Amino acid sequence: MDERFSRRAVLRTAAVAGAVGAGSIAGCSLPRPSVTGDQVEIGGDSPATTATTQFRGGLRRQGVYPDATVPTDVETAWTVPEVNTGDHTAAKASAVALPGGDLLVPGDTGDLHRVTPGGEVVWTADVTDATRGIHGTPAVANGAAYIGAYDGALSAIDVETGDRYWRAALGDAIGSSPGYYDGTVYIAVEYNDPSGAMFAVDAVDGSVEWDDQRPTDHPHSTCAIDRDAGRLVVGSNDGKLYAWSYPDLEFEWTFDTDGAIKGPVAIADGGAFFGSWDEHVYRVALDDGSEDWHFETGNLVMTGPSVEPSTGTVYVGSHDDNLYALDLASGEERWRFGTEGRLIGCPTVTAEHVLAGSHDTRLYCVEKDSGEGVWQVDAAGSVSSTPLVEEGAVYFTDRASDDYVADGEGETGKFRKLVAAE
């Protein structure tokens, strides 16, 4: 392996010095993270270099699947109920696919489900009983699903059985999704102060390799890594985008906005793309943190942009009810597609279409070249999960209906499979 990209060697050498240096930055006496429970190391001395699957298709979080196609007319094949029951407005319950076609589905109930393409639940793992449960999406490597939860712990779950390998108690809450590379799991963690940290955790045994407690508010954002550019970036509720060198994880710069950066960050073409609660979408240069452009929407931006370098397009939603297509180089608007509710979850880009959910309780399919609507599917609750396209089928999760949240008499959030209509 190219030593420049062997972050495992770098982190092993610098683990102690890095932990001491980072801990002093925050200026507070936070307890050191611990690995708890019945610990079982995963899979020997040679962990996989890359993940089998992870949120938004990889470490750059681009959300683009150029070989995927979706039907031009759909119907519901089946649903799995009781995936979501809470009322927290953050995006949640986005599924990923395993080799062979089964799906892993996290829920705000605190459970992680393995579901077959036919809708059979193979197992359900009770990851946490914390309020708000799980909002992140698992990364899968070494036969384990790495997932954070609102109890502040990162867990490794056996994908075959649903049993837990280990649980690393890192902070007070985790609302972000982990990233995996070369035996290390990267995750943003929140403290009640409010403050937060970025962690690098050993994928085999759950021990902490590195952390940096610079974020001064809850970092709910999901980090992105560009190995070629040598950067790891993550947003935080303090309105800053933070950047470290990669793989040695030396702090490099921050970029300030006037609102919380809640959503995932995407990386492409030497830039970091993200939205802010200051109602703007940004492109920031990875090398020095300078602004390349910004685009103003009509409300908060919580979604993570999808970035397609091959067409030079950025797709992003806003609380102003619109899905936008922007020019990657300039940030100029190409088209907008209107819904009847705010967009919180990330869009998914396929060969010809963009899929996006809305708080109007619908999932939309839009032509990515023109911005014209193709179809829409009604759900029981708002749709903030990131749609998954697998073998020509579309999977997504809605949230509990308002009636259910109010008095338990409505519908729980359901995991759904859409197929071509007959």
Protein backbone atom coordinates (compact mmCIF):
# COMPACT_ATOMS: atom_id res chain seq x y z
CA MET A 1 0.00 0.00 0.00
CA ASP A 2 1.16 3.55 -0.75
CA GLU A 3 2.55 4.83 2.57
CA ARG A 4 1.04 8.25 1.87
CA PHE A 5 -2.40 6.70 2.19
CA SER A 6 -1.67 4.25 5.01
CA ARG A 7 -3.48 6.12 7.75
CA ARG A 8 -3.25 3.07 10.02
CA ALA A 9 0.53 3.39 10.23
CA VAL A 10 0.32 7.14 10.77
CA LEU A 11 -2.33 6.94 13.50
CA ARG A 12 -0.67 4.09 15.35
CA THR A 13 2.54 6.14 15.57
CA ALA A 14 0.83 9.36 16.66
CA ALA A 15 -2.06 8.07 18.79
CA VAL A 16 -0.81 9.10 22.22
CA ALA A 17 0.58 12.48 21.20
CA GLY A 18 -2.54 13.27 19.17
CA ALA A 19 -4.91 12.43 22.00
CA VAL A 20 -3.02 14.60 24.49
CA GLY A 21 -2.80 17.51 22.06
CA ALA A 22 -6.44 17.38 21.07
CA GLY A 23 -7.67 17.04 24.64
CA SER A 24 -5.91 20.22 25.67
CA ILE A 25 -7.58 22.22 22.90
CA ALA A 26 -11.08 22.00 24.33
CA GLY A 27 -9.95 23.44 27.66
CA CYS A 28 -12.29 21.21 29.66
CA SER A 29 -11.98 17.98 31.62
CA LEU A 30 -14.14 15.66 29.54
CA PRO A 31 -13.92 11.98 30.50
CA ARG A 32 -11.79 9.84 28.24
CA PRO A 33 -13.79 7.55 25.95
CA SER A 34 -14.08 3.91 26.97
CA VAL A 35 -14.82 0.58 25.35
CA THR A 36 -17.54 -1.22 27.28
CA GLY A 37 -19.53 -4.43 27.30
CA ASP A 38 -18.49 -7.90 26.20
CA GLN A 39 -15.68 -7.10 23.80
CA VAL A 40 -14.99 -9.37 20.83
CA GLU A 41 -12.28 -8.36 18.39
CA ILE A 42 -13.23 -8.50 14.74
CA GLY A 43 -11.66 -10.67 12.12
CA GLY A 44 -7.94 -10.94 12.91
CA ASP A 45 -4.97 -8.70 12.20
CA SER A 46 -5.73 -7.58 8.63
CA PRO A 47 -8.89 -5.48 8.46
CA ALA A 48 -10.27 -4.56 5.05
CA THR A 49 -8.86 -1.50 3.32
CA THR A 50 -12.20 -0.23 2.05
CA ALA A 51 -15.76 -0.62 3.26
CA THR A 52 -18.24 -2.91 1.55
CA THR A 53 -20.71 -0.04 1.66
CA GLN A 54 -21.15 3.23 3.52
CA PHE A 55 -23.37 6.29 3.59
CA ARG A 56 -23.74 8.07 0.23
CA GLY A 57 -21.59 5.60 -1.66
CA GLY A 58 -18.15 6.28 -0.20
CA LEU A 59 -15.89 8.58 1.77
CA ARG A 60 -16.47 11.54 -0.56
CA ARG A 61 -20.23 11.28 0.18
CA GLN A 62 -21.17 12.26 -3.37
CA GLY A 63 -24.48 10.38 -3.43
CA VAL A 64 -24.20 9.54 -7.13
CA TYR A 65 -24.75 6.07 -8.66
CA PRO A 66 -24.18 6.39 -12.42
CA ASP A 67 -25.05 2.75 -13.21
CA ALA A 68 -28.29 2.70 -11.21
CA THR A 69 -31.66 3.02 -12.92
CA VAL A 70 -35.18 3.42 -11.56
CA PRO A 71 -38.58 2.59 -13.11
CA THR A 72 -40.55 5.42 -14.69
CA ASP A 73 -43.67 4.25 -12.85
CA VAL A 74 -43.64 2.51 -9.46
CA GLU A 75 -45.77 0.73 -6.89
CA THR A 76 -45.11 -0.45 -3.36
CA ALA A 77 -43.98 -4.08 -3.16
CA TRP A 78 -43.93 -4.33 0.66
CA THR A 79 -43.38 -2.40 3.88
CA VAL A 80 -41.68 -3.19 7.19
CA PRO A 81 -43.39 -1.24 10.01
CA GLU A 82 -42.12 0.28 13.26
CA VAL A 83 -38.78 1.50 11.98
CA ASN A 84 -39.39 5.10 13.11
CA THR A 85 -41.64 6.22 15.96
CA GLY A 86 -40.15 9.51 17.20
CA ASP A 87 -40.77 13.14 16.30
CA HIS A 88 -37.19 14.47 16.05
CA THR A 89 -36.92 16.41 12.80
CA ALA A 90 -33.41 15.35 11.75
CA ALA A 91 -32.89 13.07 8.75
CA LYS A 92 -32.83 9.39 9.67
CA ALA A 93 -33.39 5.72 8.74
CA SER A 94 -31.36 5.57 5.52
CA ALA A 95 -30.64 2.00 4.39
CA VAL A 96 -27.50 0.45 2.86
CA ALA A 97 -27.14 -2.76 0.88
CA LEU A 98 -25.08 -5.81 1.80
CA PRO A 99 -23.41 -8.18 -0.69
CA GLY A 100 -26.10 -10.55 -1.89
CA GLY A 101 -28.86 -7.95 -1.75
CA ASP A 102 -30.00 -7.80 1.88
CA LEU A 103 -30.49 -4.35 3.42
CA LEU A 104 -29.44 -2.83 6.74
CA VAL A 105 -32.00 -0.37 8.07
CA PRO A 106 -31.40 1.78 11.18
CA GLY A 107 -34.31 3.34 13.06
CA ASP A 108 -35.02 5.95 15.71
CA THR A 109 -36.39 3.10 17.85
CA GLY A 110 -32.72 2.26 18.51
CA ASP A 111 -32.88 -0.92 16.42
CA LEU A 112 -30.84 -1.99 13.40
CA HIS A 113 -32.67 -4.38 11.06
CA ARG A 114 -31.41 -6.77 8.40
CA VAL A 115 -34.09 -7.17 5.73
CA THR A 116 -34.13 -9.35 2.60
CA PRO A 117 -35.15 -8.00 -0.85
CA GLY A 118 -38.39 -9.91 -0.29
CA GLY A 119 -39.21 -7.97 2.87
CA GLU A 120 -38.31 -10.64 5.46
CA VAL A 121 -36.65 -9.36 8.63
CA VAL A 122 -33.62 -11.63 9.19
CA TRP A 123 -32.69 -10.12 12.56
CA THR A 124 -33.19 -7.01 14.64
CA ALA A 125 -30.34 -5.76 16.81
CA ASP A 126 -31.18 -3.67 19.87
CA VAL A 127 -28.38 -1.11 19.55
CA THR A 128 -29.63 1.41 22.12
CA ASP A 129 -32.63 2.39 24.23
CA ALA A 130 -31.61 6.07 24.19
CA THR A 131 -34.17 8.70 23.25
CA ARG A 132 -33.96 9.40 19.48
CA GLY A 133 -32.29 6.00 18.93
CA ILE A 134 -30.23 5.86 15.74
CA HIS A 135 -30.11 8.61 13.11
CA GLY A 136 -26.88 7.67 11.32
CA THR A 137 -26.31 5.14 8.56
CA PRO A 138 -23.97 2.15 9.08
CA ALA A 139 -20.64 1.61 7.36
CA VAL A 140 -20.02 -2.08 6.62
CA ALA A 141 -16.56 -3.71 6.62
CA ASN A 142 -14.94 -6.83 8.08
CA GLY A 143 -18.35 -8.48 8.41
CA ALA A 144 -19.44 -5.74 10.82
CA ALA A 145 -21.84 -2.82 10.66
CA TYR A 146 -20.37 0.23 12.41
CA ILE A 147 -23.13 2.49 13.73
CA GLY A 148 -23.43 5.37 16.18
CA ALA A 149 -26.45 6.19 18.33
CA TYR A 150 -27.90 8.84 20.61
CA ASP A 151 -26.36 7.16 23.67
CA GLY A 152 -23.03 8.56 22.44
CA ALA A 153 -21.59 5.14 21.61
CA LEU A 154 -20.20 3.62 18.42
CA SER A 155 -21.03 -0.07 18.04
CA ALA A 156 -19.81 -2.86 15.78
CA ILE A 157 -22.60 -5.32 14.93
CA ASP A 158 -22.09 -8.72 13.29
CA VAL A 159 -23.98 -8.49 9.98
CA GLU A 160 -24.64 -12.26 9.94
CA THR A 161 -26.19 -12.60 13.39
CA GLY A 162 -26.96 -9.11 14.70
CA ASP A 163 -24.75 -9.73 17.75
CA ARG A 164 -22.54 -6.93 19.04
CA TYR A 165 -18.75 -7.20 18.69
CA TRP A 166 -17.97 -4.11 20.77
CA ARG A 167 -19.36 -0.81 21.99
CA ALA A 168 -17.15 2.30 22.34
CA ALA A 169 -18.65 5.00 24.60
CA LEU A 170 -17.33 8.20 23.00
CA GLY A 171 -19.60 11.05 24.14
CA ASP A 172 -23.18 12.01 24.93
CA ALA A 173 -24.80 11.59 21.49
CA ILE A 174 -23.99 10.55 17.92
CA GLY A 175 -26.30 11.74 15.15
CA SER A 176 -23.78 11.43 12.30
CA SER A 177 -22.81 8.50 10.07
CA PRO A 178 -19.39 6.83 10.32
CA GLY A 179 -16.77 6.63 7.60
CA TYR A 180 -14.43 3.66 7.21
CA TYR A 181 -10.99 3.28 5.68
CA ASP A 182 -8.04 0.92 6.27
CA GLY A 183 -9.11 -0.42 9.65
CA THR A 184 -10.28 2.87 11.15
CA VAL A 185 -13.78 4.26 11.71
CA TYR A 186 -14.21 8.06 11.66
CA ILE A 187 -17.17 9.60 13.48
CA ALA A 188 -18.38 12.99 14.72
CA VAL A 189 -19.52 12.94 18.36
CA GLU A 190 -21.59 15.37 20.45
CA TYR A 191 -21.26 16.39 24.13
CA ASN A 192 -23.94 18.00 26.27
CA ASP A 193 -21.79 21.10 27.00
CA PRO A 194 -22.57 21.77 24.05
CA SER A 195 -19.36 20.79 22.36
CA GLY A 196 -18.09 17.91 20.27
CA ALA A 197 -15.21 16.05 18.71
CA MET A 198 -14.02 14.06 15.70
CA PHE A 199 -12.84 10.54 16.51
CA ALA A 200 -10.78 7.88 14.77
CA VAL A 201 -11.57 4.46 16.27
CA ASP A 202 -9.88 1.11 15.68
CA ALA A 203 -12.33 -1.01 13.69
CA VAL A 204 -11.07 -4.27 15.19
CA ASP A 205 -11.38 -3.59 18.92
CA GLY A 206 -13.08 -0.19 19.29
CA SER A 207 -10.13 1.56 20.91
CA VAL A 208 -9.64 5.29 20.27
CA GLU A 209 -6.74 6.10 17.94
CA TRP A 210 -7.21 9.89 17.73
CA ASP A 211 -9.65 12.62 18.67
CA ASP A 212 -9.89 16.37 18.31
CA GLN A 213 -12.32 18.37 20.45
CA ARG A 214 -12.22 21.65 18.54
CA PRO A 215 -15.93 21.83 17.55
CA THR A 216 -17.65 24.14 20.04
CA ASP A 217 -21.21 22.94 19.43
CA HIS A 218 -22.86 19.67 18.53
CA PRO A 219 -21.31 18.24 15.33
CA HIS A 220 -24.30 16.41 13.83
CA SER A 221 -22.74 16.57 10.36
CA THR A 222 -21.25 13.49 8.66
CA CYS A 223 -17.58 13.81 7.74
CA ALA A 224 -16.10 13.33 4.27
CA ILE A 225 -12.57 12.22 3.37
CA ASP A 226 -10.63 12.84 0.15
CA ARG A 227 -7.48 10.74 0.15
CA ASP A 228 -6.14 12.32 -3.03
CA ALA A 229 -6.55 15.86 -1.68
CA GLY A 230 -5.37 14.77 1.77
CA ARG A 231 -8.31 16.19 3.71
CA LEU A 232 -10.95 15.17 6.27
CA VAL A 233 -13.78 17.72 6.72
CA VAL A 234 -16.84 17.94 8.95
CA GLY A 235 -19.42 20.59 9.82
CA SER A 236 -20.81 21.58 13.22
CA ASN A 237 -23.72 23.43 14.80
CA ASP A 238 -21.31 26.24 15.60
CA GLY A 239 -21.48 27.21 11.90
CA LYS A 240 -17.93 26.13 11.08
CA LEU A 241 -16.52 23.65 8.60
CA TYR A 242 -13.44 21.98 10.12
CA ALA A 243 -10.59 20.49 8.08
CA TRP A 244 -7.71 18.19 8.99
CA SER A 245 -4.93 16.76 6.86
CA TYR A 246 -5.29 13.11 5.90
CA PRO A 247 -4.02 10.59 6.87
CA ASP A 248 -1.93 12.26 9.61
CA LEU A 249 -4.90 14.31 10.94
CA GLU A 250 -3.17 17.58 11.66
CA PHE A 251 -5.61 20.46 12.00
CA GLU A 252 -5.61 22.76 8.92
CA TRP A 253 -8.39 25.38 8.86
CA THR A 254 -12.00 26.38 9.58
CA PHE A 255 -14.54 28.09 7.34
CA ASP A 256 -17.22 30.19 9.06
CA THR A 257 -20.89 30.50 8.09
CA ASP A 258 -23.71 32.31 9.89
CA GLY A 259 -25.72 29.20 10.72
CA ALA A 260 -25.41 25.61 11.85
CA ILE A 261 -23.93 23.08 9.40
CA LYS A 262 -26.19 20.11 10.14
CA GLY A 263 -25.99 17.97 7.03
CA PRO A 264 -23.32 15.72 5.52
CA VAL A 265 -20.45 17.26 3.58
CA ALA A 266 -19.67 16.11 0.02
CA ILE A 267 -16.29 16.34 -1.72
CA ALA A 268 -15.45 16.63 -5.44
CA ASP A 269 -13.07 18.45 -7.75
CA GLY A 270 -10.93 19.86 -4.93
CA GLY A 271 -13.92 21.34 -3.11
CA ALA A 272 -16.15 20.67 -0.12
CA PHE A 273 -19.89 21.16 -0.73
CA PHE A 274 -22.36 21.69 2.11
CA GLY A 275 -25.40 23.62 3.27
CA SER A 276 -25.83 25.94 6.24
CA TRP A 277 -28.72 27.18 8.32
CA ASP A 278 -27.75 30.64 7.10
CA GLU A 279 -29.80 29.65 3.98
CA HIS A 280 -26.81 29.13 1.68
CA VAL A 281 -25.08 26.29 -0.12
CA TYR A 282 -21.28 26.57 -0.23
CA ARG A 283 -18.32 25.31 -2.18
CA VAL A 284 -15.05 25.72 -0.23
CA ALA A 285 -11.53 24.88 -1.45
CA LEU A 286 -10.13 21.86 0.34
CA ASP A 287 -6.53 23.06 0.30
CA ASP A 288 -6.91 26.35 2.18
CA GLY A 289 -10.59 26.75 3.17
CA SER A 290 -11.26 29.72 0.90
CA GLU A 291 -14.75 30.20 -0.53
CA ASP A 292 -15.24 29.27 -4.19
CA TRP A 293 -18.92 30.23 -4.32
CA HIS A 294 -22.17 30.33 -2.39
CA PHE A 295 -25.78 30.01 -3.51
CA GLU A 296 -28.67 31.55 -1.60
CA THR A 297 -31.87 29.55 -1.11
CA GLY A 298 -35.07 30.76 0.49
CA ASN A 299 -34.62 29.00 3.84
CA LEU A 300 -32.37 26.72 5.92
CA VAL A 301 -30.26 24.08 4.18
CA MET A 302 -29.96 20.82 6.10
CA THR A 303 -29.52 18.29 3.29
CA GLY A 304 -26.18 16.97 2.16
CA PRO A 305 -25.54 17.92 -1.49
CA SER A 306 -25.12 15.25 -4.16
CA VAL A 307 -22.20 16.11 -6.43
CA GLU A 308 -21.80 14.66 -9.93
CA PRO A 309 -18.44 15.67 -11.46
CA SER A 310 -19.21 13.95 -14.80
CA THR A 311 -22.08 16.38 -15.48
CA GLY A 312 -20.70 19.26 -13.39
CA THR A 313 -23.84 19.38 -11.25
CA VAL A 314 -24.68 19.74 -7.55
CA TYR A 315 -28.14 18.61 -6.37
CA VAL A 316 -29.36 19.91 -3.01
CA GLY A 317 -32.62 20.49 -1.14
CA SER A 318 -33.73 23.27 1.18
CA HIS A 319 -36.31 24.10 3.82
CA ASP A 320 -37.80 26.40 1.15
CA ASP A 321 -39.44 23.22 -0.30
CA ASN A 322 -37.21 23.15 -3.41
CA LEU A 323 -34.75 20.67 -4.88
CA TYR A 324 -32.02 22.56 -6.77
CA ALA A 325 -29.56 21.67 -9.52
CA LEU A 326 -26.52 23.96 -9.40
CA ASP A 327 -23.46 24.32 -11.61
CA LEU A 328 -20.54 22.64 -9.86
CA ALA A 329 -17.97 25.21 -11.00
CA SER A 330 -19.94 28.43 -10.50
CA GLY A 331 -22.89 27.64 -8.20
CA GLU A 332 -25.35 29.08 -10.71
CA GLU A 333 -28.85 27.61 -10.67
CA ARG A 334 -29.75 25.24 -13.54
CA TRP A 335 -33.22 24.30 -12.36
CA ARG A 336 -35.40 23.92 -9.29
CA PHE A 337 -38.16 21.44 -8.54
CA GLY A 338 -40.85 22.45 -6.05
CA THR A 339 -42.49 20.22 -3.46
CA GLU A 340 -45.02 21.07 -0.76
CA GLY A 341 -42.68 20.58 2.20
CA ARG A 342 -39.13 21.18 3.33
CA LEU A 343 -36.36 18.86 2.15
CA ILE A 344 -34.11 17.53 4.92
CA GLY A 345 -32.71 14.20 3.71
CA CYS A 346 -30.02 13.82 1.05
CA PRO A 347 -30.97 13.31 -2.62
CA THR A 348 -29.83 10.22 -4.52
CA VAL A 349 -28.63 10.61 -8.12
CA THR A 350 -28.90 7.77 -10.65
CA ALA A 351 -28.15 7.46 -14.37
CA GLU A 352 -31.10 9.63 -15.40
CA HIS A 353 -32.96 10.70 -12.26
CA VAL A 354 -32.75 12.35 -8.85
CA LEU A 355 -34.71 10.92 -5.93
CA ALA A 356 -35.57 13.13 -2.96
CA GLY A 357 -37.98 12.97 -0.03
CA SER A 358 -40.01 15.85 1.39
CA HIS A 359 -41.83 16.76 4.57
CA ASP A 360 -45.00 16.79 2.48
CA THR A 361 -44.93 12.97 3.03
CA ARG A 362 -43.85 12.13 -0.52
CA LEU A 363 -40.84 10.67 -2.28
CA TYR A 364 -40.14 12.31 -5.65
CA CYS A 365 -38.40 11.13 -8.80
CA VAL A 366 -37.13 13.96 -11.02
CA GLU A 367 -35.38 13.97 -14.40
CA LYS A 368 -31.88 15.15 -13.59
CA ASP A 369 -31.30 16.94 -16.92
CA SER A 370 -34.54 18.93 -17.02
CA GLY A 371 -35.83 19.01 -13.45
CA GLU A 372 -39.21 17.68 -14.60
CA GLY A 373 -41.12 15.41 -12.23
CA VAL A 374 -41.48 11.73 -13.21
CA TRP A 375 -43.43 10.23 -10.29
CA GLN A 376 -44.22 10.72 -6.63
CA VAL A 377 -45.15 8.23 -3.92
CA ASP A 378 -47.25 9.04 -0.85
CA ALA A 379 -46.11 7.88 2.58
CA ALA A 380 -47.58 8.01 6.09
CA GLY A 381 -45.10 10.50 7.46
CA SER A 382 -42.45 12.89 6.18
CA VAL A 383 -39.61 11.41 4.13
CA SER A 384 -36.16 12.40 5.35
CA SER A 385 -34.25 9.19 4.65
CA THR A 386 -31.79 9.04 1.76
CA PRO A 387 -33.34 6.79 -0.93
CA LEU A 388 -31.45 3.62 -1.87
CA VAL A 389 -31.55 2.18 -5.40
CA GLU A 390 -30.60 -1.49 -5.65
CA GLU A 391 -31.22 -3.87 -8.57
CA GLY A 392 -33.76 -1.49 -10.11
CA ALA A 393 -35.80 -1.18 -6.92
CA VAL A 394 -36.11 1.91 -4.71
CA TYR A 395 -35.98 1.65 -0.92
CA PHE A 396 -36.84 4.42 1.53
CA THR A 397 -38.20 4.97 5.02
CA ASP A 398 -40.88 7.41 6.06
CA ARG A 399 -41.41 8.69 9.58
CA ALA A 400 -44.24 8.14 12.01
CA SER A 401 -47.39 10.04 11.08
CA ASP A 402 -48.36 13.11 13.09
CA ASP A 403 -51.26 11.15 14.61
CA TYR A 404 -48.94 8.40 15.81
CA VAL A 405 -46.48 10.85 17.33
CA ALA A 406 -49.35 12.70 19.06
CA ASP A 407 -51.30 9.80 20.51
CA GLY A 408 -50.04 6.50 19.10
CA GLU A 409 -53.13 6.02 16.93
CA GLY A 410 -51.57 6.70 13.52
CA GLU A 411 -48.98 4.82 11.48
CA THR A 412 -45.42 4.09 12.53
CA GLY A 413 -42.58 4.86 10.16
CA LYS A 414 -42.18 2.16 7.52
CA PHE A 415 -39.31 0.86 5.41
CA ARG A 416 -40.65 0.53 1.85
CA LYS A 417 -39.66 -1.14 -1.39
CA LEU A 418 -40.84 0.34 -4.69
CA VAL A 419 -40.76 -1.68 -7.92
CA ALA A 420 -41.91 -1.12 -11.49
CA ALA A 421 -45.69 -0.85 -11.68
CA GLU A 422 -47.47 -3.62 -13.53
